[in-house]
N, C-alpha and C. Protein backbone atom coordinates (compact mmCIF):
# COMPACT_ATOMS: atom_id res chain seq x y z
N VAL A 1 78.73 36.09 -43.82
CA VAL A 1 78.05 35.50 -44.33
C VAL A 1 78.52 36.18 -45.61
N ASP A 2 78.58 35.14 -46.81
CA ASP A 2 79.28 35.52 -48.06
C ASP A 2 78.27 36.51 -48.78
N VAL A 3 78.78 37.00 -49.70
CA VAL A 3 77.91 38.02 -50.46
C VAL A 3 77.04 37.32 -51.67
N CYS A 4 78.16 36.06 -52.16
CA CYS A 4 77.52 35.48 -53.39
C CYS A 4 77.91 33.96 -53.12
N PRO A 5 76.95 33.21 -52.32
CA PRO A 5 77.66 31.77 -51.81
C PRO A 5 77.50 30.81 -53.21
N LYS A 6 78.61 30.38 -53.29
CA LYS A 6 78.35 29.29 -54.94
C LYS A 6 77.47 28.41 -54.37
N GLY A 7 77.16 27.42 -53.06
CA GLY A 7 76.48 26.65 -53.10
C GLY A 7 74.97 26.61 -53.18
N LEU A 8 74.58 27.93 -52.84
CA LEU A 8 72.88 28.26 -53.35
C LEU A 8 72.95 28.18 -54.88
N ASN A 9 71.50 27.88 -54.89
CA ASN A 9 70.95 27.83 -56.20
C ASN A 9 70.91 29.48 -57.18
N PRO A 10 71.40 29.62 -58.60
CA PRO A 10 71.34 30.94 -59.08
C PRO A 10 70.24 31.54 -58.50
N THR A 11 68.84 30.79 -58.94
CA THR A 11 67.94 31.52 -58.44
C THR A 11 67.69 32.16 -57.43
N LYS A 12 68.58 31.28 -56.43
CA LYS A 12 68.33 32.06 -55.04
C LYS A 12 69.21 32.96 -54.71
N ALA A 13 70.17 32.66 -55.20
CA ALA A 13 71.00 33.64 -55.29
C ALA A 13 70.89 35.28 -56.04
N ILE A 14 70.40 34.99 -57.06
CA ILE A 14 69.96 36.18 -57.65
C ILE A 14 68.79 37.12 -56.98
N GLY A 15 67.58 36.15 -56.43
CA GLY A 15 66.79 36.64 -55.49
C GLY A 15 67.35 37.53 -54.32
N LYS A 16 68.58 36.57 -53.74
CA LYS A 16 69.00 37.28 -52.19
C LYS A 16 69.53 38.93 -52.73
N ILE A 17 70.44 38.68 -53.80
CA ILE A 17 71.08 39.86 -54.37
C ILE A 17 69.99 41.06 -54.47
N LYS A 18 68.89 40.54 -55.67
CA LYS A 18 67.98 41.63 -55.82
C LYS A 18 67.02 42.45 -54.26
N GLU A 19 67.40 41.36 -53.29
CA GLU A 19 66.70 41.87 -52.03
C GLU A 19 68.06 42.84 -51.48
N LEU A 20 68.90 42.49 -51.48
CA LEU A 20 69.96 43.69 -50.87
C LEU A 20 69.85 44.83 -51.66
N MET A 21 69.94 45.20 -52.81
CA MET A 21 70.06 45.95 -54.09
C MET A 21 68.78 46.86 -53.11
N VAL A 22 67.24 46.31 -53.38
CA VAL A 22 66.55 47.06 -53.17
C VAL A 22 66.61 47.30 -51.69
N ARG A 23 67.38 46.65 -50.67
CA ARG A 23 67.25 47.16 -48.97
C ARG A 23 68.22 48.21 -49.29
N ARG A 24 68.93 48.39 -50.30
CA ARG A 24 70.15 49.36 -50.37
C ARG A 24 69.59 50.40 -51.03
N ALA A 25 68.74 50.44 -51.84
CA ALA A 25 68.24 51.65 -52.52
C ALA A 25 67.27 52.45 -51.72
N LEU A 26 66.81 51.85 -50.93
CA LEU A 26 65.63 52.13 -49.60
C LEU A 26 66.51 53.51 -48.80
């Protein structure tokens, strides 16, 4: 799974990045 897929929309990519950051923070 790519960390920052260029095929997805920017909004979706940002949402996924935020989710990953939140999961890492926990």
